[in-house]
Amino acid sequence: SGFTFSRYAMSWYRQAPGIQREVVA
C-alpha cells in the first residue's frame, strides 16, 4: 500500500543468520 502497485516490479529477498540478504525472486 502507499504507492501504485501495478507500476513497479516487486522482489522477494531472504536473510539467514550470519548471511548477507539475498534476492530470491
PDB file of all heavy atoms in Angstrom:
ATOM      1  N   SER A   1       0.839  -1.188   0.000  1.00  0.00           N
ATOM      2  CA  SER A   1       0.000   0.000   0.000  1.00  0.00           C
ATOM      3  C   SER A   1       0.874   1.237   0.000  1.00  0.00           C
ATOM      4  O   SER A   1       2.068   1.178   0.310  1.00  0.00           O
ATOM      5  CB  SER A   1      -0.934   0.000   1.214  1.00  0.00           C
ATOM      6  OG  SER A   1      -0.193   0.004   2.411  1.00  0.00           O
ATOM      7  N   GLY A   2       0.278   2.349  -0.375  1.00  0.00           N
ATOM      8  CA  GLY A   2       1.001   3.620  -0.337  1.00  0.00           C
ATOM      9  C   GLY A   2       1.686   4.000  -1.635  1.00  0.00           C
ATOM     10  O   GLY A   2       2.351   5.041  -1.695  1.00  0.00           O
ATOM     11  N   PHE A   3       1.535   3.192  -2.651  1.00  0.00           N
ATOM     12  CA  PHE A   3       2.090   3.505  -3.965  1.00  0.00           C
ATOM     13  C   PHE A   3       1.275   2.762  -5.007  1.00  0.00           C
ATOM     14  O   PHE A   3       0.462   1.885  -4.672  1.00  0.00           O
ATOM     15  CB  PHE A   3       3.576   3.119  -4.047  1.00  0.00           C
ATOM     16  CG  PHE A   3       3.860   1.639  -3.939  1.00  0.00           C
ATOM     17  CD1 PHE A   3       4.130   0.879  -5.056  1.00  0.00           C
ATOM     18  CD2 PHE A   3       3.857   0.998  -2.697  1.00  0.00           C
ATOM     19  CE1 PHE A   3       4.388  -0.483  -4.963  1.00  0.00           C
ATOM     20  CE2 PHE A   3       4.114  -0.353  -2.585  1.00  0.00           C
ATOM     21  CZ  PHE A   3       4.379  -1.089  -3.715  1.00  0.00           C
ATOM     22  N   THR A   4       1.471   3.107  -6.271  1.00  0.00           N
ATOM     23  CA  THR A   4       0.717   2.469  -7.351  1.00  0.00           C
ATOM     24  C   THR A   4       1.375   1.142  -7.675  1.00  0.00           C
ATOM     25  O   THR A   4       2.320   1.053  -8.464  1.00  0.00           O
ATOM     26  CB  THR A   4       0.681   3.380  -8.589  1.00  0.00           C
ATOM     27  OG1 THR A   4       0.173   4.667  -8.217  1.00  0.00           O
ATOM     28  CG2 THR A   4      -0.234   2.779  -9.655  1.00  0.00           C
ATOM     29  N   PHE A   5       0.864   0.108  -7.054  1.00  0.00           N
ATOM     30  CA  PHE A   5       1.484  -1.216  -7.068  1.00  0.00           C
ATOM     31  C   PHE A   5       1.759  -1.714  -8.486  1.00  0.00           C
ATOM     32  O   PHE A   5       2.837  -2.246  -8.776  1.00  0.00           O
ATOM     33  CB  PHE A   5       0.561  -2.195  -6.335  1.00  0.00           C
ATOM     34  CG  PHE A   5       1.066  -3.608  -6.268  1.00  0.00           C
ATOM     35  CD1 PHE A   5       2.038  -3.970  -5.350  1.00  0.00           C
ATOM     36  CD2 PHE A   5       0.550  -4.584  -7.122  1.00  0.00           C
ATOM     37  CE1 PHE A   5       2.493  -5.281  -5.272  1.00  0.00           C
ATOM     38  CE2 PHE A   5       0.989  -5.883  -7.061  1.00  0.00           C
ATOM     39  CZ  PHE A   5       1.970  -6.244  -6.130  1.00  0.00           C
ATOM     40  N   SER A   6       0.810  -1.519  -9.378  1.00  0.00           N
ATOM     41  CA  SER A   6       0.907  -2.094 -10.719  1.00  0.00           C
ATOM     42  C   SER A   6       2.028  -1.480 -11.555  1.00  0.00           C
ATOM     43  O   SER A   6       2.384  -2.028 -12.606  1.00  0.00           O
ATOM     44  CB  SER A   6      -0.425  -1.957 -11.445  1.00  0.00           C
ATOM     45  OG  SER A   6      -0.767  -0.600 -11.573  1.00  0.00           O
ATOM     46  N   ARG A   7       2.606  -0.397 -11.110  1.00  0.00           N
ATOM     47  CA  ARG A   7       3.629   0.283 -11.888  1.00  0.00           C
ATOM     48  C   ARG A   7       5.050  -0.158 -11.556  1.00  0.00           C
ATOM     49  O   ARG A   7       6.000   0.302 -12.194  1.00  0.00           O
ATOM     50  CB  ARG A   7       3.523   1.797 -11.673  1.00  0.00           C
ATOM     51  CG  ARG A   7       2.279   2.421 -12.248  1.00  0.00           C
ATOM     52  CD  ARG A   7       2.293   3.930 -12.077  1.00  0.00           C
ATOM     53  NE  ARG A   7       1.085   4.553 -12.621  1.00  0.00           N
ATOM     54  CZ  ARG A   7       0.833   5.853 -12.556  1.00  0.00           C
ATOM     55  NH1 ARG A   7       1.714   6.671 -11.990  1.00  0.00           N
ATOM     56  NH2 ARG A   7      -0.280   6.338 -13.048  1.00  0.00           N
ATOM     57  N   TYR A   8       5.194  -1.045 -10.552  1.00  0.00           N
ATOM     58  CA  TYR A   8       6.536  -1.357 -10.092  1.00  0.00           C
ATOM     59  C   TYR A   8       6.800  -2.855 -10.010  1.00  0.00           C
ATOM     60  O   TYR A   8       5.926  -3.638  -9.628  1.00  0.00           O
ATOM     61  CB  TYR A   8       6.784  -0.740  -8.712  1.00  0.00           C
ATOM     62  CG  TYR A   8       6.743   0.761  -8.747  1.00  0.00           C
ATOM     63  CD1 TYR A   8       5.572   1.452  -8.448  1.00  0.00           C
ATOM     64  CD2 TYR A   8       7.876   1.489  -9.108  1.00  0.00           C
ATOM     65  CE1 TYR A   8       5.535   2.842  -8.509  1.00  0.00           C
ATOM     66  CE2 TYR A   8       7.845   2.873  -9.159  1.00  0.00           C
ATOM     67  CZ  TYR A   8       6.663   3.537  -8.874  1.00  0.00           C
ATOM     68  OH  TYR A   8       6.632   4.905  -8.929  1.00  0.00           O
ATOM     69  N   ALA A   9       8.037  -3.202 -10.377  1.00  0.00           N
ATOM     70  CA  ALA A   9       8.488  -4.566 -10.159  1.00  0.00           C
ATOM     71  C   ALA A   9       8.582  -4.830  -8.658  1.00  0.00           C
ATOM     72  O   ALA A   9       8.806  -3.907  -7.868  1.00  0.00           O
ATOM     73  CB  ALA A   9       9.846  -4.789 -10.816  1.00  0.00           C
ATOM     74  N   MET A  10       8.413  -6.075  -8.299  1.00  0.00           N
ATOM     75  CA  MET A  10       8.473  -6.479  -6.897  1.00  0.00           C
ATOM     76  C   MET A  10       9.471  -7.622  -6.739  1.00  0.00           C
ATOM     77  O   MET A  10       9.692  -8.405  -7.675  1.00  0.00           O
ATOM     78  CB  MET A  10       7.104  -6.952  -6.409  1.00  0.00           C
ATOM     79  CG  MET A  10       6.005  -5.910  -6.464  1.00  0.00           C
ATOM     80  SD  MET A  10       6.284  -4.532  -5.338  1.00  0.00           S
ATOM     81  CE  MET A  10       6.258  -5.359  -3.744  1.00  0.00           C
ATOM     82  N   SER A  11      10.030  -7.717  -5.558  1.00  0.00           N
ATOM     83  CA  SER A  11      11.022  -8.758  -5.299  1.00  0.00           C
ATOM     84  C   SER A  11      10.813  -9.375  -3.927  1.00  0.00           C
ATOM     85  O   SER A  11      10.269  -8.732  -3.018  1.00  0.00           O
ATOM     86  CB  SER A  11      12.445  -8.190  -5.370  1.00  0.00           C
ATOM     87  OG  SER A  11      12.734  -7.686  -6.646  1.00  0.00           O
ATOM     88  N   TRP A  12      11.273 -10.608  -3.809  1.00  0.00           N
ATOM     89  CA  TRP A  12      11.404 -11.269  -2.514  1.00  0.00           C
ATOM     90  C   TRP A  12      12.889 -11.477  -2.238  1.00  0.00           C
ATOM     91  O   TRP A  12      13.640 -11.911  -3.121  1.00  0.00           O
ATOM     92  CB  TRP A  12      10.705 -12.630  -2.520  1.00  0.00           C
ATOM     93  CG  TRP A  12       9.223 -12.571  -2.434  1.00  0.00           C
ATOM     94  CD1 TRP A  12       8.324 -12.632  -3.461  1.00  0.00           C
ATOM     95  CD2 TRP A  12       8.445 -12.455  -1.231  1.00  0.00           C
ATOM     96  NE1 TRP A  12       7.051 -12.561  -2.983  1.00  0.00           N
ATOM     97  CE2 TRP A  12       7.093 -12.457  -1.613  1.00  0.00           C
ATOM     98  CE3 TRP A  12       8.760 -12.369   0.123  1.00  0.00           C
ATOM     99  CZ2 TRP A  12       6.050 -12.357  -0.695  1.00  0.00           C
ATOM    100  CZ3 TRP A  12       7.735 -12.271   1.037  1.00  0.00           C
ATOM    101  CH2 TRP A  12       6.390 -12.267   0.633  1.00  0.00           C
ATOM    102  N   TYR A  13      13.294 -11.192  -1.017  1.00  0.00           N
ATOM    103  CA  TYR A  13      14.651 -11.440  -0.536  1.00  0.00           C
ATOM    104  C   TYR A  13      14.547 -12.361   0.682  1.00  0.00           C
ATOM    105  O   TYR A  13      13.469 -12.516   1.280  1.00  0.00           O
ATOM    106  CB  TYR A  13      15.317 -10.128  -0.096  1.00  0.00           C
ATOM    107  CG  TYR A  13      15.819  -9.251  -1.207  1.00  0.00           C
ATOM    108  CD1 TYR A  13      14.933  -8.555  -2.022  1.00  0.00           C
ATOM    109  CD2 TYR A  13      17.183  -9.091  -1.425  1.00  0.00           C
ATOM    110  CE1 TYR A  13      15.397  -7.731  -3.035  1.00  0.00           C
ATOM    111  CE2 TYR A  13      17.658  -8.257  -2.430  1.00  0.00           C
ATOM    112  CZ  TYR A  13      16.762  -7.588  -3.225  1.00  0.00           C
ATOM    113  OH  TYR A  13      17.230  -6.757  -4.224  1.00  0.00           O
ATOM    114  N   ARG A  14      15.686 -12.893   1.058  1.00  0.00           N
ATOM    115  CA  ARG A  14      15.751 -13.648   2.296  1.00  0.00           C
ATOM    116  C   ARG A  14      17.095 -13.423   2.972  1.00  0.00           C
ATOM    117  O   ARG A  14      18.085 -13.103   2.330  1.00  0.00           O
ATOM    118  CB  ARG A  14      15.517 -15.141   2.068  1.00  0.00           C
ATOM    119  CG  ARG A  14      16.613 -15.859   1.296  1.00  0.00           C
ATOM    120  CD  ARG A  14      16.211 -17.302   1.032  1.00  0.00           C
ATOM    121  NE  ARG A  14      17.236 -18.035   0.288  1.00  0.00           N
ATOM    122  CZ  ARG A  14      17.079 -19.270  -0.174  1.00  0.00           C
ATOM    123  NH1 ARG A  14      15.924 -19.912   0.023  1.00  0.00           N
ATOM    124  NH2 ARG A  14      18.064 -19.863  -0.834  1.00  0.00           N
ATOM    125  N   GLN A  15      17.078 -13.607   4.287  1.00  0.00           N
ATOM    126  CA  GLN A  15      18.303 -13.461   5.063  1.00  0.00           C
ATOM    127  C   GLN A  15      18.338 -14.512   6.152  1.00  0.00           C
ATOM    128  O   GLN A  15      17.455 -14.547   7.015  1.00  0.00           O
ATOM    129  CB  GLN A  15      18.408 -12.066   5.669  1.00  0.00           C
ATOM    130  CG  GLN A  15      19.743 -11.809   6.346  1.00  0.00           C
ATOM    131  CD  GLN A  15      19.971 -10.343   6.630  1.00  0.00           C
ATOM    132  OE1 GLN A  15      19.033  -9.556   6.722  1.00  0.00           O
ATOM    133  NE2 GLN A  15      21.231  -9.957   6.772  1.00  0.00           N
ATOM    134  N   ALA A  16      19.365 -15.345   6.090  1.00  0.00           N
ATOM    135  CA  ALA A  16      19.598 -16.349   7.125  1.00  0.00           C
ATOM    136  C   ALA A  16      20.609 -15.794   8.120  1.00  0.00           C
ATOM    137  O   ALA A  16      21.391 -14.896   7.781  1.00  0.00           O
ATOM    138  CB  ALA A  16      20.102 -17.642   6.502  1.00  0.00           C
ATOM    139  N   PRO A  17      20.629 -16.303   9.336  1.00  0.00           N
ATOM    140  CA  PRO A  17      21.576 -15.800  10.348  1.00  0.00           C
ATOM    141  C   PRO A  17      23.007 -15.859   9.856  1.00  0.00           C
ATOM    142  O   PRO A  17      23.466 -16.887   9.353  1.00  0.00           O
ATOM    143  CB  PRO A  17      21.340 -16.748  11.527  1.00  0.00           C
ATOM    144  CG  PRO A  17      19.944 -17.217  11.365  1.00  0.00           C
ATOM    145  CD  PRO A  17      19.736 -17.336   9.883  1.00  0.00           C
ATOM    146  N   GLY A  18      23.714 -14.728   9.969  1.00  0.00           N
ATOM    147  CA  GLY A  18      25.110 -14.678   9.588  1.00  0.00           C
ATOM    148  C   GLY A  18      25.378 -14.621   8.099  1.00  0.00           C
ATOM    149  O   GLY A  18      26.544 -14.652   7.675  1.00  0.00           O
ATOM    150  N   ILE A  19      24.322 -14.524   7.315  1.00  0.00           N
ATOM    151  CA  ILE A  19      24.477 -14.498   5.853  1.00  0.00           C
ATOM    152  C   ILE A  19      23.869 -13.211   5.313  1.00  0.00           C
ATOM    153  O   ILE A  19      22.843 -12.739   5.812  1.00  0.00           O
ATOM    154  CB  ILE A  19      23.812 -15.728   5.214  1.00  0.00           C
ATOM    155  CG1 ILE A  19      24.481 -17.016   5.728  1.00  0.00           C
ATOM    156  CG2 ILE A  19      23.887 -15.663   3.695  1.00  0.00           C
ATOM    157  CD1 ILE A  19      23.842 -18.282   5.222  1.00  0.00           C
ATOM    158  N   GLN A  20      24.508 -12.659   4.278  1.00  0.00           N
ATOM    159  CA  GLN A  20      24.005 -11.428   3.671  1.00  0.00           C
ATOM    160  C   GLN A  20      22.637 -11.664   3.041  1.00  0.00           C
ATOM    161  O   GLN A  20      22.363 -12.736   2.501  1.00  0.00           O
ATOM    162  CB  GLN A  20      24.997 -10.964   2.606  1.00  0.00           C
ATOM    163  CG  GLN A  20      24.718  -9.594   2.026  1.00  0.00           C
ATOM    164  CD  GLN A  20      25.831  -9.126   1.107  1.00  0.00           C
ATOM    165  OE1 GLN A  20      26.818  -9.824   0.904  1.00  0.00           O
ATOM    166  NE2 GLN A  20      25.693  -7.933   0.562  1.00  0.00           N
ATOM    167  N   ARG A  21      21.794 -10.651   3.115  1.00  0.00           N
ATOM    168  CA  ARG A  21      20.480 -10.738   2.476  1.00  0.00           C
ATOM    169  C   ARG A  21      20.656 -10.968   0.984  1.00  0.00           C
ATOM    170  O   ARG A  21      21.484 -10.336   0.341  1.00  0.00           O
ATOM    171  CB  ARG A  21      19.700  -9.460   2.741  1.00  0.00           C
ATOM    172  CG  ARG A  21      18.236  -9.512   2.352  1.00  0.00           C
ATOM    173  CD  ARG A  21      17.495  -8.268   2.804  1.00  0.00           C
ATOM    174  NE  ARG A  21      17.471  -8.123   4.255  1.00  0.00           N
ATOM    175  CZ  ARG A  21      16.734  -7.218   4.887  1.00  0.00           C
ATOM    176  NH1 ARG A  21      15.970  -6.378   4.200  1.00  0.00           N
ATOM    177  NH2 ARG A  21      16.772  -7.137   6.200  1.00  0.00           N
ATOM    178  N   GLU A  22      19.857 -11.874   0.413  1.00  0.00           N
ATOM    179  CA  GLU A  22      19.965 -12.222  -0.998  1.00  0.00           C
ATOM    180  C   GLU A  22      18.599 -12.164  -1.670  1.00  0.00           C
ATOM    181  O   GLU A  22      17.571 -12.454  -1.043  1.00  0.00           O
ATOM    182  CB  GLU A  22      20.554 -13.628  -1.156  1.00  0.00           C
ATOM    183  CG  GLU A  22      19.726 -14.729  -0.544  1.00  0.00           C
ATOM    184  CD  GLU A  22      20.258 -16.115  -0.840  1.00  0.00           C
ATOM    185  OE1 GLU A  22      21.223 -16.250  -1.627  1.00  0.00           O
ATOM    186  OE2 GLU A  22      19.692 -17.084  -0.298  1.00  0.00           O
ATOM    187  N   VAL A  23      18.618 -11.819  -2.944  1.00  0.00           N
ATOM    188  CA  VAL A  23      17.380 -11.801  -3.704  1.00  0.00           C
ATOM    189  C   VAL A  23      16.994 -13.226  -4.052  1.00  0.00           C
ATOM    190  O   VAL A  23      17.827 -14.040  -4.440  1.00  0.00           O
ATOM    191  CB  VAL A  23      17.504 -10.920  -4.963  1.00  0.00           C
ATOM    192  CG1 VAL A  23      18.561 -11.439  -5.901  1.00  0.00           C
ATOM    193  CG2 VAL A  23      16.171 -10.755  -5.641  1.00  0.00           C
ATOM    194  N   VAL A  24      15.722 -13.524  -3.903  1.00  0.00           N
ATOM    195  CA  VAL A  24      15.193 -14.855  -4.188  1.00  0.00           C
ATOM    196  C   VAL A  24      14.472 -14.870  -5.531  1.00  0.00           C
ATOM    197  O   VAL A  24      14.688 -15.766  -6.352  1.00  0.00           O
ATOM    198  CB  VAL A  24      14.239 -15.296  -3.070  1.00  0.00           C
ATOM    199  CG1 VAL A  24      13.564 -16.626  -3.415  1.00  0.00           C
ATOM    200  CG2 VAL A  24      14.971 -15.396  -1.741  1.00  0.00           C
ATOM    201  N   ALA A  25      13.604 -13.872  -5.747  1.00  0.00           N
ATOM    202  CA  ALA A  25      12.811 -13.841  -6.966  1.00  0.00           C
ATOM    203  C   ALA A  25      12.322 -12.426  -7.212  1.00  0.00           C
ATOM    204  O   ALA A  25      12.125 -11.653  -6.269  1.00  0.00           O
ATOM    205  CB  ALA A  25      11.625 -14.792  -6.857  1.00  0.00           C
TER     206      ALA A  25
END
